[in-house]
């Protein structure tokens, strides 16, 4: 069954209104002012794609950066996540309502069925006996056990390890039965077990020393169980995937999916306009204005599960054991946040309609969103007084100084993000008005990512993606995340009171109390100003009209790409040419 969404209604379809991770926590529709989807989104239609007559065709996706690696425990970049989701599978996937409490609505993937122990302290997954790796070996419960050990091994240093910390162990019942054992009962036990890990092949990875996994060729030559396999990865150019015609759930419709890497935004949009690319994830306001000139394209608008922020390094990048001489001071961080007019940034960069002021580590798409989260006001006069009080006095050059040190720092920004680049220039001027000198250092995406991960920055302009569950806050903001190798707490923020609040929220079984705890955690983060929460963008995706998108999930638009299709009578030369190349 398909639901046609009225592009003028301003309302989300039912599948997008109920992406609450805590049942009965509804995002009030009055808070949702995003434009609705301009597309036909199909409802669930079972395990297999629609019909064999729709098989064929190629989709080229234009992306701004390369993958970092294709081993899910170590994956950081968006492109690697998207590609990896087509190669590796989870035990189950959230349904279109994105419920993460209990197991209601979850769709089987590698697991056909599951069964809870009477005390809910263990959970057994029965694997699909037809599931197999792309080298022909069967998927077994040993692979599931191995996967858990890999994600949680400190030698591997996966940033996702905190998300499975409530799982005590995984045991093998028989070759097709994996049993998860938990430390304690929590609302999201099933989600943690079924969705936080992509299952990996033990026979491929076990022979590689875990300390060497990150640099091993296996991260570039994945063997998964999913609908697509990697054919070719040309660094900095493209990742080429071909359909696995033997996929146990029925082959995906598209023959090829190519991620074309185009770091320069203007070049990327030109490829879309010229027809060299079929899909571009994020249109800029200027691009959207030009879209009517290209009748072969249409848009798909989605709420976005991410926010962007200027993140401060609270440790000295030259000596991480020492506090940062500027950002180690909470009051200085607060003053800098108060000097930035975020609404002006939304007006200038997003033309008001394509983004929100970020209210903390949460977006409109999460049930824990609350428009009343206390914010630091835009108050440059108060910011100046606060800097004066902290000993940063205005110098003759117009830059504040303290003990002979100028109040100057560098902000690293990826060249692949026009939005962040434009926002950085505005922030630079706003800070200048209160006597703060901010230099902008533009870096290629891989370098920006490496510097952020290694904490080698004064401030970094980062985009943080969220899972459907608010518990993903653990990855970016807890002390435990700051202490992990390759963790995503890049600014090394540490607050025991915040840790306690987050832990209480994650384990709280009462929905109302959990909601209150999460919102208190958000308010505490905003008040501590570990960075400046700048904007929450709205996804405006452009795609060729011949593409038929199916079941587009808010948290991961690419989750059901195996179900997308192209009508045979609407295919272009690329659809036929690449298929012939594959068959040679």
Protein backbone atom coordinates (compact mmCIF):
# COMPACT_ATOMS: atom_id res chain seq x y z
CA UNK A 1 0.00 0.00 0.00
CA UNK A 2 1.37 3.43 -0.91
CA UNK A 3 0.66 6.70 0.81
CA UNK A 4 0.78 9.85 -1.31
CA UNK A 5 2.03 12.73 0.80
CA UNK A 6 0.55 16.16 0.23
CA UNK A 7 3.56 18.43 -0.38
CA UNK A 8 1.62 21.47 0.81
CA UNK A 9 0.16 20.14 4.03
CA UNK A 10 3.23 20.73 6.21
CA UNK A 11 2.40 17.52 8.12
CA UNK A 12 4.36 14.31 8.41
CA UNK A 13 2.84 11.03 7.24
CA UNK A 14 2.03 8.58 10.01
CA UNK A 15 5.25 6.64 9.47
CA UNK A 16 7.23 9.79 10.22
CA UNK A 17 5.19 11.03 13.17
CA UNK A 18 5.85 7.94 15.24
CA UNK A 19 9.60 7.72 15.23
CA UNK A 20 9.57 8.02 19.01
CA UNK A 21 12.02 5.77 20.82
CA UNK A 22 9.89 5.79 23.97
CA UNK A 23 6.29 4.64 23.37
CA UNK A 24 3.67 7.27 24.30
CA UNK A 25 6.31 10.00 23.95
CA UNK A 26 4.91 11.76 20.92
CA UNK A 27 6.59 14.63 19.16
CA UNK A 28 3.94 17.31 19.19
CA UNK A 29 2.90 18.06 15.63
CA UNK A 30 2.83 21.74 16.46
CA UNK A 31 6.60 21.57 16.87
CA UNK A 32 7.11 20.04 13.43
CA UNK A 33 7.26 22.75 10.80
CA UNK A 34 9.26 20.85 8.21
CA UNK A 35 7.88 20.59 4.70
CA UNK A 36 6.42 17.15 4.11
CA UNK A 37 7.71 14.52 1.75
CA UNK A 38 7.42 15.15 -1.96
CA UNK A 39 7.41 11.51 -2.88
CA UNK A 40 5.45 8.28 -2.82
CA UNK A 41 6.58 6.23 0.16
CA UNK A 42 5.47 2.61 0.12
CA UNK A 43 4.36 0.64 3.15
CA UNK A 44 5.98 -2.64 4.16
CA UNK A 45 5.42 -5.49 1.76
CA UNK A 46 7.23 -8.39 3.33
CA UNK A 47 10.68 -9.86 3.10
CA UNK A 48 11.38 -9.62 -0.60
CA UNK A 49 11.47 -6.70 -3.01
CA UNK A 50 8.34 -6.00 -5.03
CA UNK A 51 8.60 -8.00 -8.24
CA UNK A 52 11.29 -9.55 -10.41
CA UNK A 53 10.07 -7.52 -13.39
CA UNK A 54 11.47 -4.43 -11.71
CA UNK A 55 15.01 -5.74 -11.46
CA UNK A 56 17.70 -3.78 -13.27
CA UNK A 57 19.22 -0.34 -13.53
CA UNK A 58 21.95 1.71 -11.92
CA UNK A 59 21.80 4.51 -9.38
CA UNK A 60 24.70 6.97 -9.01
CA UNK A 61 24.76 8.78 -5.67
CA UNK A 62 26.86 11.96 -5.45
CA UNK A 63 28.57 12.30 -2.05
CA UNK A 64 30.99 14.86 -0.67
CA UNK A 65 33.52 12.60 1.04
CA UNK A 66 35.12 9.19 0.81
CA UNK A 67 34.56 6.27 3.17
CA UNK A 68 37.05 5.94 6.01
CA UNK A 69 36.80 2.13 6.12
CA UNK A 70 34.14 -0.52 5.63
CA UNK A 71 34.43 -2.42 8.90
CA UNK A 72 31.29 -1.39 10.85
CA UNK A 73 32.83 -1.31 14.36
CA UNK A 74 35.36 1.25 13.10
CA UNK A 75 33.23 3.16 10.61
CA UNK A 76 32.84 6.89 11.21
CA UNK A 77 32.01 8.66 7.94
CA UNK A 78 28.46 8.88 6.58
CA UNK A 79 29.43 7.36 3.25
CA UNK A 80 31.04 4.34 4.93
CA UNK A 81 27.91 3.86 7.03
CA UNK A 82 25.68 3.97 3.96
CA UNK A 83 27.84 1.58 1.95
CA UNK A 84 28.32 -0.73 4.93
CA UNK A 85 24.56 -1.00 5.45
CA UNK A 86 24.24 -2.55 2.00
CA UNK A 87 27.02 -5.06 2.61
CA UNK A 88 26.54 -6.08 6.25
CA UNK A 89 23.29 -6.84 8.07
CA UNK A 90 21.86 -6.59 11.55
CA UNK A 91 19.86 -9.27 13.30
CA UNK A 92 16.74 -7.13 12.93
CA UNK A 93 15.82 -3.63 11.77
CA UNK A 94 13.48 -1.06 13.32
CA UNK A 95 10.15 -0.74 11.58
CA UNK A 96 9.03 2.46 9.91
CA UNK A 97 7.75 3.77 13.26
CA UNK A 98 11.32 3.51 14.66
CA UNK A 99 10.21 2.10 17.98
CA UNK A 100 13.22 1.08 20.08
CA UNK A 101 11.38 -0.14 23.19
CA UNK A 102 10.77 -3.86 23.48
CA UNK A 103 10.63 -5.73 20.17
CA UNK A 104 7.36 -4.43 18.71
CA UNK A 105 7.54 -3.57 15.03
CA UNK A 106 11.07 -4.84 14.41
CA UNK A 107 11.63 -6.54 11.06
CA UNK A 108 13.63 -9.78 10.81
CA UNK A 109 16.92 -9.68 8.99
CA UNK A 110 19.62 -12.26 9.79
CA UNK A 111 17.40 -13.44 12.63
CA UNK A 112 14.13 -15.06 11.58
CA UNK A 113 12.65 -15.18 15.08
CA UNK A 114 13.61 -14.42 18.68
CA UNK A 115 12.56 -15.51 22.13
CA UNK A 116 12.88 -13.90 25.56
CA UNK A 117 13.75 -15.75 28.74
CA UNK A 118 11.01 -15.53 31.42
CA UNK A 119 13.11 -13.07 33.45
CA UNK A 120 14.04 -10.97 30.36
CA UNK A 121 17.72 -11.33 31.24
CA UNK A 122 18.52 -13.29 28.08
CA UNK A 123 17.30 -13.23 24.51
CA UNK A 124 17.71 -15.96 21.88
CA UNK A 125 17.89 -15.20 18.17
CA UNK A 126 17.17 -17.95 15.64
CA UNK A 127 19.17 -17.18 12.49
CA UNK A 128 17.70 -17.57 9.03
CA UNK A 129 19.10 -20.92 7.83
CA UNK A 130 19.35 -19.56 4.27
CA UNK A 131 21.58 -16.63 5.25
CA UNK A 132 25.09 -16.85 3.86
CA UNK A 133 28.20 -14.74 3.41
CA UNK A 134 29.06 -13.42 -0.01
CA UNK A 135 31.82 -16.05 -0.30
CA UNK A 136 29.20 -18.79 0.11
CA UNK A 137 29.84 -19.73 3.76
CA UNK A 138 26.73 -19.91 5.99
CA UNK A 139 26.07 -17.30 8.65
CA UNK A 140 26.17 -18.98 12.07
CA UNK A 141 25.72 -18.13 15.72
CA UNK A 142 29.51 -18.18 16.07
CA UNK A 143 29.60 -15.12 13.80
CA UNK A 144 27.22 -13.32 16.16
CA UNK A 145 29.33 -14.18 19.19
CA UNK A 146 32.49 -13.14 17.36
CA UNK A 147 30.90 -9.84 16.35
CA UNK A 148 30.09 -8.94 19.95
CA UNK A 149 33.62 -9.74 21.04
CA UNK A 150 35.01 -7.50 18.30
CA UNK A 151 32.78 -4.52 19.07
CA UNK A 152 33.63 -4.69 22.77
CA UNK A 153 37.36 -5.38 22.52
CA UNK A 154 39.31 -2.35 23.77
CA UNK A 155 42.11 -3.26 21.38
CA UNK A 156 39.73 -2.61 18.48
CA UNK A 157 38.54 0.63 20.09
CA UNK A 158 35.08 0.82 18.54
CA UNK A 159 33.20 4.04 19.33
CA UNK A 160 30.04 1.92 19.37
CA UNK A 161 31.14 -0.18 22.35
CA UNK A 162 29.25 1.98 24.91
CA UNK A 163 26.01 1.20 23.08
CA UNK A 164 26.30 -2.53 23.83
CA UNK A 165 27.67 -2.16 27.35
CA UNK A 166 24.52 -3.66 28.89
CA UNK A 167 25.15 -6.93 27.06
CA UNK A 168 27.19 -9.19 29.34
CA UNK A 169 27.97 -11.88 26.79
CA UNK A 170 26.77 -13.76 23.72
CA UNK A 171 26.74 -17.55 23.70
CA UNK A 172 26.08 -20.17 21.06
CA UNK A 173 23.05 -22.39 21.65
CA UNK A 174 23.53 -24.26 18.40
CA UNK A 175 24.79 -23.32 14.94
CA UNK A 176 21.74 -21.14 14.29
CA UNK A 177 20.95 -19.90 17.81
CA UNK A 178 22.75 -16.95 19.40
CA UNK A 179 21.87 -16.07 22.98
CA UNK A 180 22.39 -12.59 24.41
CA UNK A 181 22.82 -12.22 28.18
CA UNK A 182 22.27 -8.84 29.84
CA UNK A 183 23.59 -7.12 32.95
CA UNK A 184 20.18 -5.64 33.76
CA UNK A 185 16.71 -5.18 32.35
CA UNK A 186 16.36 -1.95 30.39
CA UNK A 187 13.78 -0.55 27.97
CA UNK A 188 16.08 -0.98 24.96
CA UNK A 189 17.57 -4.43 25.48
CA UNK A 190 16.22 -5.73 22.18
CA UNK A 191 17.37 -2.68 20.21
CA UNK A 192 20.86 -2.94 21.70
CA UNK A 193 21.19 -6.60 20.77
CA UNK A 194 19.52 -6.53 17.36
CA UNK A 195 20.51 -3.15 15.93
CA UNK A 196 23.70 -1.75 17.46
CA UNK A 197 25.96 -4.23 15.67
CA UNK A 198 26.26 -5.38 12.07
CA UNK A 199 27.12 -9.07 12.06
CA UNK A 200 30.62 -9.90 10.80
CA UNK A 201 32.19 -13.08 9.35
CA UNK A 202 34.39 -14.84 11.89
CA UNK A 203 36.12 -16.96 9.24
CA UNK A 204 37.34 -13.80 7.46
CA UNK A 205 38.28 -11.60 10.42
CA UNK A 206 39.42 -13.95 13.18
CA UNK A 207 42.82 -14.53 11.60
CA UNK A 208 43.71 -10.81 11.68
CA UNK A 209 45.28 -9.42 14.89
CA UNK A 210 42.75 -7.04 16.32
CA UNK A 211 45.25 -4.26 16.76
CA UNK A 212 45.80 -4.44 12.98
CA UNK A 213 42.15 -4.42 11.92
CA UNK A 214 41.96 -0.70 11.27
CA UNK A 215 44.76 -0.80 8.71
CA UNK A 216 44.04 -4.25 7.34
CA UNK A 217 43.01 -4.65 3.68
CA UNK A 218 39.86 -6.36 4.97
CA UNK A 219 38.40 -2.93 5.73
CA UNK A 220 38.54 -2.27 1.99
CA UNK A 221 37.54 -5.75 0.82
CA UNK A 222 34.42 -6.56 2.83
CA UNK A 223 32.64 -9.90 2.80
CA UNK A 224 29.10 -9.37 4.05
CA UNK A 225 25.73 -11.09 3.98
CA UNK A 226 23.72 -8.18 2.58
CA UNK A 227 22.03 -7.41 -0.74
CA UNK A 228 25.06 -5.75 -2.36
CA UNK A 229 28.76 -6.53 -2.60
CA UNK A 230 31.67 -4.20 -3.20
CA UNK A 231 33.02 -4.46 -6.74
CA UNK A 232 35.54 -1.63 -6.71
CA UNK A 233 36.71 1.11 -4.38
CA UNK A 234 38.71 3.82 -6.11
CA UNK A 235 39.86 6.12 -3.28
CA UNK A 236 38.67 9.68 -3.70
CA UNK A 237 36.62 8.73 -6.75
CA UNK A 238 33.92 6.12 -6.19
CA UNK A 239 32.64 3.02 -4.44
CA UNK A 240 30.94 0.65 -6.86
CA UNK A 241 28.46 -1.95 -5.56
CA UNK A 242 26.79 -4.77 -7.48
CA UNK A 243 23.68 -6.69 -6.53
CA UNK A 244 24.20 -10.10 -4.94
CA UNK A 245 21.79 -12.20 -6.98
CA UNK A 246 22.03 -15.01 -4.40
CA UNK A 247 20.87 -12.90 -1.44
CA UNK A 248 18.73 -15.14 0.73
CA UNK A 249 15.93 -12.58 1.05
CA UNK A 250 15.52 -12.15 -2.72
CA UNK A 251 17.84 -10.03 -4.85
CA UNK A 252 17.74 -6.25 -4.65
CA UNK A 253 16.14 -4.53 -7.61
CA UNK A 254 18.98 -2.25 -8.72
CA UNK A 255 21.88 -3.94 -10.49
CA UNK A 256 24.44 -1.33 -9.45
CA UNK A 257 24.70 1.38 -6.82
CA UNK A 258 27.64 3.74 -7.25
CA UNK A 259 28.72 6.28 -4.65
CA UNK A 260 30.49 8.98 -6.68
CA UNK A 261 32.83 11.07 -4.52
CA UNK A 262 32.79 14.77 -5.37
CA UNK A 263 34.39 16.88 -2.61
CA UNK A 264 33.68 20.22 -4.27
CA UNK A 265 29.97 21.13 -3.72
CA UNK A 266 29.61 23.13 -6.94
CA UNK A 267 31.01 20.28 -8.99
CA UNK A 268 28.67 17.89 -7.23
CA UNK A 269 25.58 19.89 -8.11
CA UNK A 270 26.75 20.24 -11.71
CA UNK A 271 26.97 16.45 -11.96
CA UNK A 272 23.40 16.24 -10.73
CA UNK A 273 22.18 18.90 -13.18
CA UNK A 274 23.99 17.21 -16.09
CA UNK A 275 22.58 13.77 -15.31
CA UNK A 276 25.92 12.21 -14.35
CA UNK A 277 24.45 11.58 -10.88
CA UNK A 278 20.96 10.34 -9.99
CA UNK A 279 20.80 11.36 -6.35
CA UNK A 280 22.31 14.03 -4.12
CA UNK A 281 21.59 13.77 -0.42
CA UNK A 282 21.66 17.42 0.62
CA UNK A 283 20.62 20.33 -1.55
CA UNK A 284 21.71 23.81 -0.55
CA UNK A 285 19.15 26.64 -0.62
CA UNK A 286 20.67 28.00 -3.85
CA UNK A 287 20.48 24.54 -5.43
CA UNK A 288 16.85 24.21 -4.43
CA UNK A 289 16.06 27.50 -6.15
CA UNK A 290 17.57 26.13 -9.40
CA UNK A 291 15.75 22.79 -9.24
CA UNK A 292 12.72 23.85 -11.38
CA UNK A 293 15.14 24.26 -14.30
CA UNK A 294 15.73 20.50 -14.24
CA UNK A 295 12.41 18.69 -14.80
CA UNK A 296 14.01 15.22 -14.66
CA UNK A 297 14.62 15.73 -10.93
CA UNK A 298 12.38 15.86 -7.89
CA UNK A 299 12.91 16.35 -4.19
CA UNK A 300 12.47 14.20 -1.13
CA UNK A 301 12.27 16.12 2.14
CA UNK A 302 12.99 14.41 5.45
CA UNK A 303 13.58 15.42 9.03
CA UNK A 304 17.24 14.98 9.80
CA UNK A 305 18.75 12.91 12.61
CA UNK A 306 21.77 15.14 13.07
CA UNK A 307 22.94 18.50 14.32
CA UNK A 308 26.05 20.57 13.68
CA UNK A 309 28.11 22.35 16.29
CA UNK A 310 31.33 24.19 16.91
CA UNK A 311 32.94 21.82 19.41
CA UNK A 312 35.58 23.08 21.82
CA UNK A 313 38.58 20.98 22.82
CA UNK A 314 38.56 21.12 26.62
CA UNK A 315 42.09 19.69 26.77
CA UNK A 316 45.28 21.25 25.47
CA UNK A 317 45.84 19.72 21.99
CA UNK A 318 49.61 19.92 22.59
CA UNK A 319 49.28 18.05 25.89
CA UNK A 320 45.96 16.28 26.39
CA UNK A 321 46.73 15.71 30.08
CA UNK A 322 46.34 19.44 30.66
CA UNK A 323 43.22 21.62 30.44
CA UNK A 324 42.86 23.87 27.43
CA UNK A 325 44.02 27.40 28.38
CA UNK A 326 40.89 28.86 26.76
CA UNK A 327 38.20 26.19 26.62
CA UNK A 328 39.03 24.57 29.93
CA UNK A 329 37.14 27.51 31.50
CA UNK A 330 33.37 26.87 31.50
CA UNK A 331 32.57 30.58 31.77
CA UNK A 332 34.67 31.42 28.72
CA UNK A 333 32.88 28.71 26.73
CA UNK A 334 29.53 30.15 27.81
CA UNK A 335 30.62 33.65 26.80
CA UNK A 336 31.61 32.47 23.32
CA UNK A 337 28.25 30.75 22.91
CA UNK A 338 26.44 33.93 23.96
CA UNK A 339 28.36 35.94 21.35
CA UNK A 340 27.01 33.89 18.42
CA UNK A 341 23.66 34.78 16.86
CA UNK A 342 22.48 31.39 15.72
CA UNK A 343 19.18 32.65 14.35
CA UNK A 344 21.07 34.98 12.04
CA UNK A 345 23.04 31.98 10.78
CA UNK A 346 19.82 30.08 10.03
CA UNK A 347 18.45 33.11 8.19
CA UNK A 348 21.58 33.63 6.09
CA UNK A 349 22.71 30.07 5.41
CA UNK A 350 19.39 28.23 5.35
CA UNK A 351 17.09 30.97 4.10
CA UNK A 352 15.09 30.36 7.31
CA UNK A 353 13.15 27.41 5.88
CA UNK A 354 15.77 24.66 5.61
CA UNK A 355 17.17 24.50 9.11
CA UNK A 356 16.52 25.05 12.80
CA UNK A 357 18.60 26.51 15.58
CA UNK A 358 20.03 23.44 17.33
CA UNK A 359 18.74 23.26 20.90
CA UNK A 360 21.26 20.72 22.14
CA UNK A 361 22.24 17.12 21.35
CA UNK A 362 18.73 16.33 20.09
CA UNK A 363 16.67 16.96 16.97
CA UNK A 364 13.00 17.40 16.15
CA UNK A 365 12.97 13.76 15.03
CA UNK A 366 13.51 12.41 18.56
CA UNK A 367 10.70 12.06 21.06
CA UNK A 368 12.91 13.67 23.68
CA UNK A 369 12.96 16.93 21.73
CA UNK A 370 11.60 19.85 23.72
CA UNK A 371 11.43 23.41 22.39
CA UNK A 372 11.63 24.71 25.98
CA UNK A 373 15.15 23.38 26.68
CA UNK A 374 16.86 26.40 28.35
CA UNK A 375 19.28 28.12 26.00
CA UNK A 376 22.16 30.51 26.49
CA UNK A 377 20.87 33.81 25.09
CA UNK A 378 22.43 35.74 22.26
CA UNK A 379 23.85 38.56 24.36
CA UNK A 380 27.17 39.97 23.08
CA UNK A 381 27.28 42.68 25.78
CA UNK A 382 26.88 40.05 28.51
CA UNK A 383 29.47 37.88 26.75
CA UNK A 384 31.96 40.76 26.79
CA UNK A 385 31.39 41.38 30.50
CA UNK A 386 31.85 37.70 31.27
CA UNK A 387 35.15 37.61 29.36
CA UNK A 388 36.26 40.72 31.27
CA UNK A 389 35.42 38.99 34.53
CA UNK A 390 37.50 35.94 33.53
CA UNK A 391 40.55 38.15 32.95
CA UNK A 392 40.36 38.41 29.16
CA UNK A 393 40.71 42.16 28.63
CA UNK A 394 40.53 44.00 25.33
CA UNK A 395 43.95 44.66 23.82
CA UNK A 396 45.10 47.49 21.60
CA UNK A 397 44.74 45.30 18.52
CA UNK A 398 41.06 44.66 19.22
CA UNK A 399 41.76 41.12 20.42
CA UNK A 400 41.39 40.25 24.09
CA UNK A 401 44.42 39.12 26.07
CA UNK A 402 45.15 37.42 29.37
CA UNK A 403 48.64 37.21 30.85
CA UNK A 404 50.05 38.15 27.46
CA UNK A 405 48.10 35.42 25.61
CA UNK A 406 45.66 36.59 22.91
CA UNK A 407 42.14 35.15 22.87
CA UNK A 408 42.72 33.54 19.51
CA UNK A 409 41.93 30.03 18.35
CA UNK A 410 41.53 28.03 15.15
CA UNK A 411 38.34 26.36 13.94
CA UNK A 412 38.83 23.40 11.59
CA UNK A 413 36.10 23.00 8.96
CA UNK A 414 35.74 20.31 6.26
CA UNK A 415 35.82 21.64 2.72
CA UNK A 416 33.10 19.13 1.79
CA UNK A 417 30.48 21.08 3.79
CA UNK A 418 29.38 24.37 2.27
CA UNK A 419 26.92 24.93 5.10
CA UNK A 420 29.61 24.67 7.76
CA UNK A 421 31.98 26.80 5.72
CA UNK A 422 29.44 29.59 5.33
CA UNK A 423 28.44 29.37 9.00
CA UNK A 424 32.08 29.53 10.11
CA UNK A 425 32.59 32.88 8.35
CA UNK A 426 29.55 34.33 10.11
CA UNK A 427 30.70 33.01 13.49
CA UNK A 428 34.15 34.47 12.90
CA UNK A 429 32.66 37.94 12.44
CA UNK A 430 30.36 37.62 15.46
CA UNK A 431 33.22 36.64 17.76
CA UNK A 432 35.34 39.47 16.42
CA UNK A 433 32.73 41.91 17.75
CA UNK A 434 33.52 40.83 21.33
CA UNK A 435 37.29 40.76 20.88
CA UNK A 436 37.80 37.10 20.00
CA UNK A 437 39.97 36.14 17.02
CA UNK A 438 38.92 32.92 15.35
CA UNK A 439 40.94 31.64 12.41
CA UNK A 440 39.24 29.29 9.96
CA UNK A 441 41.29 26.30 8.82
CA UNK A 442 39.65 24.46 5.92
CA UNK A 443 40.64 20.82 5.56
CA UNK A 444 39.80 17.97 3.23
CA UNK A 445 37.29 15.68 4.90
CA UNK A 446 39.70 12.81 5.76
CA UNK A 447 42.12 15.25 7.39
CA UNK A 448 39.34 17.01 9.27
CA UNK A 449 38.05 13.67 10.54
CA UNK A 450 41.52 12.50 11.59
CA UNK A 451 42.27 15.73 13.44
CA UNK A 452 38.90 15.60 15.23
CA UNK A 453 39.34 11.97 16.25
CA UNK A 454 42.88 12.64 17.50
CA UNK A 455 41.76 15.74 19.47
CA UNK A 456 44.28 17.79 17.52
CA UNK A 457 42.27 20.99 17.26
CA UNK A 458 41.25 24.07 19.21
CA UNK A 459 37.68 23.90 17.90
CA UNK A 460 36.13 21.71 15.23
CA UNK A 461 32.92 22.18 13.26
CA UNK A 462 31.37 18.71 13.40
CA UNK A 463 28.08 17.12 12.47
CA UNK A 464 26.77 14.50 14.88
CA UNK A 465 24.40 11.82 13.61
CA UNK A 466 21.86 10.27 15.98
CA UNK A 467 20.33 6.83 16.26
CA UNK A 468 16.55 6.50 16.62
CA UNK A 469 17.13 6.17 20.35
CA UNK A 470 18.12 9.11 22.58
CA UNK A 471 20.53 6.77 24.38
CA UNK A 472 23.03 7.45 21.59
CA UNK A 473 23.97 10.54 23.62
CA UNK A 474 26.38 8.19 25.42
CA UNK A 475 28.67 8.08 22.39
CA UNK A 476 29.44 11.78 22.20
CA UNK A 477 29.11 13.21 25.69
CA UNK A 478 29.99 10.80 28.49
CA UNK A 479 33.27 10.51 30.36
CA UNK A 480 33.49 6.86 29.28
CA UNK A 481 33.31 7.94 25.62
CA UNK A 482 36.08 10.49 26.22
CA UNK A 483 38.31 7.76 27.61
CA UNK A 484 37.87 5.41 24.66
CA UNK A 485 40.37 5.17 21.83
CA UNK A 486 38.70 6.52 18.67
CA UNK A 487 35.68 7.60 20.67
CA UNK A 488 33.39 10.32 19.32
CA UNK A 489 33.64 12.58 22.36
CA UNK A 490 36.11 14.65 20.36
CA UNK A 491 36.09 17.62 22.74
CA UNK A 492 36.82 15.35 25.73
CA UNK A 493 33.98 16.82 27.75
CA UNK A 494 33.68 15.15 31.14
CA UNK A 495 30.97 15.74 33.73
CA UNK A 496 30.13 13.15 36.41
CA UNK A 497 26.71 14.76 37.06
CA UNK A 498 25.92 14.48 33.35
CA UNK A 499 27.12 10.86 33.30
CA UNK A 500 24.76 10.07 36.16
CA UNK A 501 21.81 11.74 34.44
CA UNK A 502 22.42 9.91 31.17
CA UNK A 503 22.83 6.57 32.93
CA UNK A 504 19.57 7.13 34.80
CA UNK A 505 17.74 8.11 31.61
CA UNK A 506 18.98 5.08 29.66
CA UNK A 507 17.92 2.61 32.35
CA UNK A 508 14.68 4.28 33.44
CA UNK A 509 11.70 2.09 32.53
CA UNK A 510 9.04 4.68 33.27
CA UNK A 511 8.52 6.69 30.09
CA UNK A 512 7.63 9.97 31.71
CA UNK A 513 10.59 9.90 34.07
CA UNK A 514 12.95 8.86 31.26
CA UNK A 515 11.81 11.81 29.16
CA UNK A 516 12.41 14.19 32.05
CA UNK A 517 15.90 12.80 32.67
CA UNK A 518 16.95 13.11 29.05
CA UNK A 519 15.75 16.70 28.90
CA UNK A 520 17.61 17.54 32.09
CA UNK A 521 20.76 16.09 30.50
CA UNK A 522 20.25 18.26 27.41
CA UNK A 523 19.80 21.36 29.55
CA UNK A 524 22.96 20.56 31.52
CA UNK A 525 24.99 20.22 28.32
CA UNK A 526 23.71 23.50 26.93
CA UNK A 527 24.55 25.25 30.21
CA UNK A 528 28.08 23.78 30.29
CA UNK A 529 28.68 24.90 26.68
CA UNK A 530 31.14 22.18 25.58
CA UNK A 531 30.53 23.74 22.19
CA UNK A 532 28.04 25.95 20.40
CA UNK A 533 25.04 24.02 19.06
CA UNK A 534 24.57 25.84 15.75
CA UNK A 535 21.97 24.24 13.50
CA UNK A 536 19.79 21.24 12.80
CA UNK A 537 19.39 20.96 9.02
CA UNK A 538 16.44 19.65 7.09
CA UNK A 539 17.28 17.04 4.47
CA UNK A 540 16.28 18.08 0.98
CA UNK A 541 17.36 15.29 -1.31
CA UNK A 542 17.27 15.51 -5.10
CA UNK A 543 16.71 12.38 -7.14
CA UNK A 544 16.00 11.45 -10.74
CA UNK A 545 12.30 10.96 -11.43
CA UNK A 546 12.88 7.49 -12.83
CA UNK A 547 13.91 6.28 -9.36
CA UNK A 548 11.13 4.76 -7.27
CA UNK A 549 12.12 5.09 -3.59
CA UNK A 550 10.55 2.59 -1.20
CA UNK A 551 10.15 2.80 2.58
CA UNK A 552 12.43 5.76 3.26
CA UNK A 553 13.31 5.71 6.95
CA UNK A 554 13.91 8.97 8.78
CA UNK A 555 17.00 7.73 10.60
CA UNK A 556 18.60 6.08 7.55
CA UNK A 557 17.16 6.92 4.13
CA UNK A 558 19.40 4.23 2.62
CA UNK A 559 18.21 1.40 4.90
CA UNK A 560 15.88 -0.10 2.28
CA UNK A 561 17.78 0.68 -0.92
CA UNK A 562 17.43 -2.96 -1.97
CA UNK A 563 13.73 -2.21 -2.48
CA UNK A 564 14.23 0.88 -4.68
CA UNK A 565 13.61 0.28 -8.37
CA UNK A 566 13.55 1.82 -11.83
CA UNK A 567 10.68 1.04 -14.26
CA UNK A 568 12.06 -0.76 -17.33
CA UNK A 569 10.52 1.76 -19.73
CA UNK A 570 12.18 4.69 -17.94
CA UNK A 571 15.75 3.42 -17.90
CA UNK A 572 18.53 5.40 -19.51
CA UNK A 573 21.72 4.32 -21.28
CA UNK A 574 23.68 4.12 -18.00
CA UNK A 575 21.27 1.47 -16.68
CA UNK A 576 22.00 -0.78 -19.63
CA UNK A 577 25.71 0.00 -20.12
CA UNK A 578 26.81 -0.88 -16.59
CA UNK A 579 24.71 -4.03 -16.58
CA UNK A 580 26.49 -5.18 -19.74
CA UNK A 581 29.84 -4.37 -18.10
CA UNK A 582 28.89 -6.47 -15.08
CA UNK A 583 27.94 -9.44 -17.26
CA UNK A 584 31.24 -9.42 -19.19
